Amino acid sequence: MTFEEVVEEFNRRTAEVEPLLILTRDSGLQARAVDELQSYHAILEIYRAHAEAQGAENPANILLGFKSVVSGLAEELNLYRLLKLEEPDRAWDALIRAQAGFDAALRAHRSFDYLRPKAERLRQLERATIYTRILLKSAMASSVPSQDSGQQFGTERLAPTIGAGWGWAPRSLASP
């Protein structure tokens, strides 16, 4: 496969994934896309190693960038899937890995400068999410009275629930 064909394949595959990078897309489609991206990542490594062995530094760096973009896309898809599964801690990790993938592509070659807005959007998502996480933890710590404070909330207390709205829902004191 020529380098131009590899570039065309990369562009085709990433274009196919882009419509799935939304929280409301089907999780099954997102999971299949992650599997395909992971397989494609391994193929790109073979091409990159071949270019490096031939001393083709520029193509090797571009292929390294391709691998990084593919990793970033797979992790961004995982982010949305994990949020839907109500696994916020794992989703947070996927967000950080997605950022790392796009940042690595930006460092790999100047041709990936078009990713700067995407990387910034993920950083904005991180900032919004970190403040939400801090507020949730702070609210939990301050809203649950100590056992000897004498405060009563009846038979319910507030507990965080992740999912629709990242809101608060009552939880029985009897529950663990």
C-alpha atoms as a PDB file:
ATOM      1  CA  MET A   1       0.000   0.000   0.000  1.00  0.00           C
ATOM      2  CA  THR A   2       1.406   3.401  -0.967  1.00  0.00           C
ATOM      3  CA  PHE A   3       1.636   6.238   1.528  1.00  0.00           C
ATOM      4  CA  GLU A   4      -1.101   8.092  -0.380  1.00  0.00           C
ATOM      5  CA  GLU A   5      -3.385   5.061  -0.054  1.00  0.00           C
ATOM      6  CA  VAL A   6      -2.689   4.906   3.680  1.00  0.00           C
ATOM      7  CA  VAL A   7      -3.634   8.594   3.956  1.00  0.00           C
ATOM      8  CA  GLU A   8      -6.862   7.990   2.007  1.00  0.00           C
ATOM      9  CA  GLU A   9      -7.715   5.031   4.236  1.00  0.00           C
ATOM     10  CA  PHE A  10      -7.065   7.083   7.372  1.00  0.00           C
ATOM     11  CA  ASN A  11      -9.277   9.911   6.106  1.00  0.00           C
ATOM     12  CA  ARG A  12     -12.067   7.481   5.212  1.00  0.00           C
ATOM     13  CA  ARG A  13     -11.973   5.681   8.551  1.00  0.00           C
ATOM     14  CA  THR A  14     -11.892   8.842  10.645  1.00  0.00           C
ATOM     15  CA  ALA A  15     -14.732  10.371   8.600  1.00  0.00           C
ATOM     16  CA  GLU A  16     -16.841   7.275   9.310  1.00  0.00           C
ATOM     17  CA  VAL A  17     -16.299   7.649  13.054  1.00  0.00           C
ATOM     18  CA  GLU A  18     -16.982  11.386  13.358  1.00  0.00           C
ATOM     19  CA  PRO A  19     -20.812  11.097  13.360  1.00  0.00           C
ATOM     20  CA  LEU A  20     -20.584   8.721  16.337  1.00  0.00           C
ATOM     21  CA  LEU A  21     -18.762  11.244  18.545  1.00  0.00           C
ATOM     22  CA  ILE A  22     -21.959  12.380  20.220  1.00  0.00           C
ATOM     23  CA  LEU A  23     -23.352  11.180  23.537  1.00  0.00           C
ATOM     24  CA  THR A  24     -26.745  10.285  22.064  1.00  0.00           C
ATOM     25  CA  ARG A  25     -25.458   7.932  19.351  1.00  0.00           C
ATOM     26  CA  ASP A  26     -26.081   4.202  19.633  1.00  0.00           C
ATOM     27  CA  SER A  27     -23.703   2.546  22.099  1.00  0.00           C
ATOM     28  CA  GLY A  28     -23.489  -0.603  19.984  1.00  0.00           C
ATOM     29  CA  LEU A  29     -22.322   1.372  16.973  1.00  0.00           C
ATOM     30  CA  GLN A  30     -19.827   3.191  19.166  1.00  0.00           C
ATOM     31  CA  ALA A  31     -18.503  -0.090  20.586  1.00  0.00           C
ATOM     32  CA  ARG A  32     -18.035  -1.549  17.091  1.00  0.00           C
ATOM     33  CA  ALA A  33     -16.248   1.623  16.011  1.00  0.00           C
ATOM     34  CA  VAL A  34     -13.889   1.343  19.003  1.00  0.00           C
ATOM     35  CA  ASP A  35     -13.086  -2.263  18.072  1.00  0.00           C
ATOM     36  CA  GLU A  36     -12.409  -1.268  14.457  1.00  0.00           C
ATOM     37  CA  LEU A  37     -10.218   1.650  15.535  1.00  0.00           C
ATOM     38  CA  GLN A  38      -8.186  -0.597  17.822  1.00  0.00           C
ATOM     39  CA  SER A  39      -7.591  -3.049  14.966  1.00  0.00           C
ATOM     40  CA  TYR A  40      -6.694  -0.200  12.651  1.00  0.00           C
ATOM     41  CA  HIS A  41      -4.258   1.165  15.261  1.00  0.00           C
ATOM     42  CA  ALA A  42      -2.283  -2.097  15.040  1.00  0.00           C
ATOM     43  CA  ILE A  43      -2.171  -1.831  11.230  1.00  0.00           C
ATOM     44  CA  LEU A  44      -0.918   1.742  11.450  1.00  0.00           C
ATOM     45  CA  GLU A  45       1.879   0.619  13.769  1.00  0.00           C
ATOM     46  CA  ILE A  46       3.066  -1.851  11.120  1.00  0.00           C
ATOM     47  CA  TYR A  47       3.124   0.932   8.504  1.00  0.00           C
ATOM     48  CA  ARG A  48       4.892   3.295  10.908  1.00  0.00           C
ATOM     49  CA  ALA A  49       7.551   0.724  11.812  1.00  0.00           C
ATOM     50  CA  HIS A  50       8.119   0.023   8.110  1.00  0.00           C
ATOM     51  CA  ALA A  51       8.533   3.736   7.343  1.00  0.00           C
ATOM     52  CA  GLU A  52      10.910   4.124  10.268  1.00  0.00           C
ATOM     53  CA  ALA A  53      12.962   1.104   9.163  1.00  0.00           C
ATOM     54  CA  GLN A  54      13.315   2.697   5.717  1.00  0.00           C
ATOM     55  CA  GLY A  55      14.504   5.943   7.298  1.00  0.00           C
ATOM     56  CA  ALA A  56      11.422   7.843   6.083  1.00  0.00           C
ATOM     57  CA  GLU A  57      11.176  10.181   9.074  1.00  0.00           C
ATOM     58  CA  ASN A  58       8.395  12.455   7.806  1.00  0.00           C
ATOM     59  CA  PRO A  59       5.991   9.624   6.841  1.00  0.00           C
ATOM     60  CA  ALA A  60       6.858   7.798  10.089  1.00  0.00           C
ATOM     61  CA  ASN A  61       5.916  10.903  12.096  1.00  0.00           C
ATOM     62  CA  ILE A  62       2.682  11.319  10.157  1.00  0.00           C
ATOM     63  CA  LEU A  63       1.833   7.666  10.778  1.00  0.00           C
ATOM     64  CA  LEU A  64       2.593   8.167  14.469  1.00  0.00           C
ATOM     65  CA  GLY A  65       0.126  11.056  14.351  1.00  0.00           C
ATOM     66  CA  PHE A  66      -2.444   8.824  12.659  1.00  0.00           C
ATOM     67  CA  LYS A  67      -2.058   6.289  15.468  1.00  0.00           C
ATOM     68  CA  SER A  68      -2.497   9.031  18.048  1.00  0.00           C
ATOM     69  CA  VAL A  69      -5.647  10.353  16.350  1.00  0.00           C
ATOM     70  CA  VAL A  70      -7.090   6.843  16.179  1.00  0.00           C
ATOM     71  CA  SER A  71      -6.391   6.384  19.906  1.00  0.00           C
ATOM     72  CA  GLY A  72      -7.980   9.739  20.691  1.00  0.00           C
ATOM     73  CA  LEU A  73     -11.094   8.922  18.681  1.00  0.00           C
ATOM     74  CA  ALA A  74     -11.469   5.494  20.308  1.00  0.00           C
ATOM     75  CA  GLU A  75     -11.162   7.020  23.779  1.00  0.00           C
ATOM     76  CA  GLU A  76     -13.620   9.794  22.979  1.00  0.00           C
ATOM     77  CA  LEU A  77     -16.118   7.137  21.887  1.00  0.00           C
ATOM     78  CA  ASN A  78     -15.410   5.262  25.124  1.00  0.00           C
ATOM     79  CA  LEU A  79     -16.060   8.470  27.064  1.00  0.00           C
ATOM     80  CA  TYR A  80     -19.594   8.712  25.702  1.00  0.00           C
ATOM     81  CA  ARG A  81     -20.285   5.011  26.136  1.00  0.00           C
ATOM     82  CA  LEU A  82     -19.107   5.047  29.754  1.00  0.00           C
ATOM     83  CA  LEU A  83     -21.191   8.101  30.573  1.00  0.00           C
ATOM     84  CA  LYS A  84     -24.255   6.276  29.274  1.00  0.00           C
ATOM     85  CA  LEU A  85     -23.328   3.281  31.427  1.00  0.00           C
ATOM     86  CA  GLU A  86     -23.160   5.651  34.417  1.00  0.00           C
ATOM     87  CA  GLU A  87     -19.474   4.991  35.022  1.00  0.00           C
ATOM     88  CA  PRO A  88     -18.200   8.537  35.546  1.00  0.00           C
ATOM     89  CA  ASP A  89     -14.761   7.628  36.911  1.00  0.00           C
ATOM     90  CA  ARG A  90     -13.969   5.413  33.927  1.00  0.00           C
ATOM     91  CA  ALA A  91     -15.442   8.052  31.608  1.00  0.00           C
ATOM     92  CA  TRP A  92     -13.106  10.621  33.170  1.00  0.00           C
ATOM     93  CA  ASP A  93     -10.130   8.344  32.462  1.00  0.00           C
ATOM     94  CA  ALA A  94     -11.289   7.954  28.847  1.00  0.00           C
ATOM     95  CA  LEU A  95     -11.513  11.750  28.529  1.00  0.00           C
ATOM     96  CA  ILE A  96      -7.927  12.145  29.748  1.00  0.00           C
ATOM     97  CA  ARG A  97      -6.721   9.423  27.347  1.00  0.00           C
ATOM     98  CA  ALA A  98      -8.592  11.072  24.445  1.00  0.00           C
ATOM     99  CA  GLN A  99      -6.850  14.347  25.236  1.00  0.00           C
ATOM    100  CA  ALA A 100      -3.503  12.569  25.374  1.00  0.00           C
ATOM    101  CA  GLY A 101      -4.110  11.005  21.958  1.00  0.00           C
ATOM    102  CA  PHE A 102      -4.909  14.293  20.258  1.00  0.00           C
ATOM    103  CA  ASP A 103      -2.080  16.087  22.052  1.00  0.00           C
ATOM    104  CA  ALA A 104       0.351  13.382  20.897  1.00  0.00           C
ATOM    105  CA  ALA A 105      -0.837  13.838  17.303  1.00  0.00           C
ATOM    106  CA  LEU A 106      -0.238  17.584  17.585  1.00  0.00           C
ATOM    107  CA  ARG A 107       3.330  16.880  18.706  1.00  0.00           C
ATOM    108  CA  ALA A 108       3.932  14.198  16.054  1.00  0.00           C
ATOM    109  CA  HIS A 109       3.704  16.427  12.994  1.00  0.00           C
ATOM    110  CA  ARG A 110       2.637  19.956  12.074  1.00  0.00           C
ATOM    111  CA  SER A 111       0.016  18.586   9.659  1.00  0.00           C
ATOM    112  CA  PHE A 112      -2.182  17.784  12.667  1.00  0.00           C
ATOM    113  CA  ASP A 113      -2.669  21.435  13.628  1.00  0.00           C
ATOM    114  CA  TYR A 114      -6.285  21.108  12.476  1.00  0.00           C
ATOM    115  CA  LEU A 115      -6.860  19.132  15.710  1.00  0.00           C
ATOM    116  CA  ARG A 116      -6.246  22.136  17.976  1.00  0.00           C
ATOM    117  CA  PRO A 117      -9.965  23.058  18.216  1.00  0.00           C
ATOM    118  CA  LYS A 118     -10.861  19.439  19.026  1.00  0.00           C
ATOM    119  CA  ALA A 119      -8.171  19.251  21.715  1.00  0.00           C
ATOM    120  CA  GLU A 120      -9.413  22.546  23.165  1.00  0.00           C
ATOM    121  CA  ARG A 121     -13.019  21.300  23.168  1.00  0.00           C
ATOM    122  CA  LEU A 122     -11.931  18.263  25.192  1.00  0.00           C
ATOM    123  CA  ARG A 123     -10.050  20.541  27.615  1.00  0.00           C
ATOM    124  CA  GLN A 124     -13.211  22.631  28.032  1.00  0.00           C
ATOM    125  CA  LEU A 125     -15.150  19.446  28.726  1.00  0.00           C
ATOM    126  CA  GLU A 126     -12.516  18.493  31.306  1.00  0.00           C
ATOM    127  CA  ARG A 127     -12.765  21.884  33.021  1.00  0.00           C
ATOM    128  CA  ALA A 128     -16.556  21.714  33.120  1.00  0.00           C
ATOM    129  CA  THR A 129     -16.439  18.151  34.406  1.00  0.00           C
ATOM    130  CA  ILE A 130     -13.782  18.741  37.051  1.00  0.00           C
ATOM    131  CA  TYR A 131     -15.776  21.587  38.571  1.00  0.00           C
ATOM    132  CA  THR A 132     -18.893  19.415  38.590  1.00  0.00           C
ATOM    133  CA  ARG A 133     -16.964  16.605  40.278  1.00  0.00           C
ATOM    134  CA  ILE A 134     -15.520  18.987  42.890  1.00  0.00           C
ATOM    135  CA  LEU A 135     -18.926  20.517  43.577  1.00  0.00           C
ATOM    136  CA  LEU A 136     -20.544  17.097  43.917  1.00  0.00           C
ATOM    137  CA  LYS A 137     -17.907  15.918  46.369  1.00  0.00           C
ATOM    138  CA  SER A 138     -18.093  19.166  48.318  1.00  0.00           C
ATOM    139  CA  ALA A 139     -21.879  19.087  48.447  1.00  0.00           C
ATOM    140  CA  MET A 140     -21.843  15.476  49.595  1.00  0.00           C
ATOM    141  CA  ALA A 141     -19.387  16.221  52.352  1.00  0.00           C
ATOM    142  CA  SER A 142     -21.323  19.233  53.616  1.00  0.00           C
ATOM    143  CA  SER A 143     -24.877  17.903  53.187  1.00  0.00           C
ATOM    144  CA  VAL A 144     -24.539  14.680  55.157  1.00  0.00           C
ATOM    145  CA  PRO A 145     -24.650  15.555  58.881  1.00  0.00           C
ATOM    146  CA  SER A 146     -22.380  13.826  61.312  1.00  0.00           C
ATOM    147  CA  GLN A 147     -24.096  11.256  63.500  1.00  0.00           C
ATOM    148  CA  ASP A 148     -23.612  13.324  66.632  1.00  0.00           C
ATOM    149  CA  SER A 149     -24.772  16.648  65.155  1.00  0.00           C
ATOM    150  CA  GLY A 150     -28.382  16.022  66.114  1.00  0.00           C
ATOM    151  CA  GLN A 151     -29.631  16.996  62.648  1.00  0.00           C
ATOM    152  CA  GLN A 152     -32.302  14.813  61.119  1.00  0.00           C
ATOM    153  CA  PHE A 153     -33.509  14.600  57.547  1.00  0.00           C
ATOM    154  CA  GLY A 154     -36.321  12.142  58.207  1.00  0.00           C
ATOM    155  CA  THR A 155     -35.729   8.790  56.574  1.00  0.00           C
ATOM    156  CA  GLU A 156     -33.867  10.114  53.535  1.00  0.00           C
ATOM    157  CA  ARG A 157     -30.569  11.752  52.766  1.00  0.00           C
ATOM    158  CA  LEU A 158     -29.176  13.130  49.557  1.00  0.00           C
ATOM    159  CA  ALA A 159     -26.800  11.026  47.507  1.00  0.00           C
ATOM    160  CA  PRO A 160     -25.224  11.697  44.149  1.00  0.00           C
ATOM    161  CA  THR A 161     -26.542   9.923  41.113  1.00  0.00           C
ATOM    162  CA  ILE A 162     -24.806  10.063  37.808  1.00  0.00           C
ATOM    163  CA  GLY A 163     -26.898  10.001  34.703  1.00  0.00           C
ATOM    164  CA  ALA A 164     -29.720  12.179  33.530  1.00  0.00           C
ATOM    165  CA  GLY A 165     -28.809  15.670  34.614  1.00  0.00           C
ATOM    166  CA  TRP A 166     -26.012  14.761  37.039  1.00  0.00           C
ATOM    167  CA  GLY A 167     -28.520  15.584  39.745  1.00  0.00           C
ATOM    168  CA  TRP A 168     -29.274  14.586  43.273  1.00  0.00           C
ATOM    169  CA  ALA A 169     -31.747  11.933  44.300  1.00  0.00           C
ATOM    170  CA  PRO A 170     -33.016  10.859  47.715  1.00  0.00           C
ATOM    171  CA  ARG A 171     -31.622   7.654  49.118  1.00  0.00           C
ATOM    172  CA  SER A 172     -32.903   5.890  52.195  1.00  0.00           C
ATOM    173  CA  LEU A 173     -30.731   6.061  55.289  1.00  0.00           C
ATOM    174  CA  ALA A 174     -31.110   2.312  55.540  1.00  0.00           C
ATOM    175  CA  SER A 175     -29.257   1.774  52.277  1.00  0.00           C
ATOM    176  CA  PRO A 176     -25.480   1.245  52.479  1.00  0.00           C
END
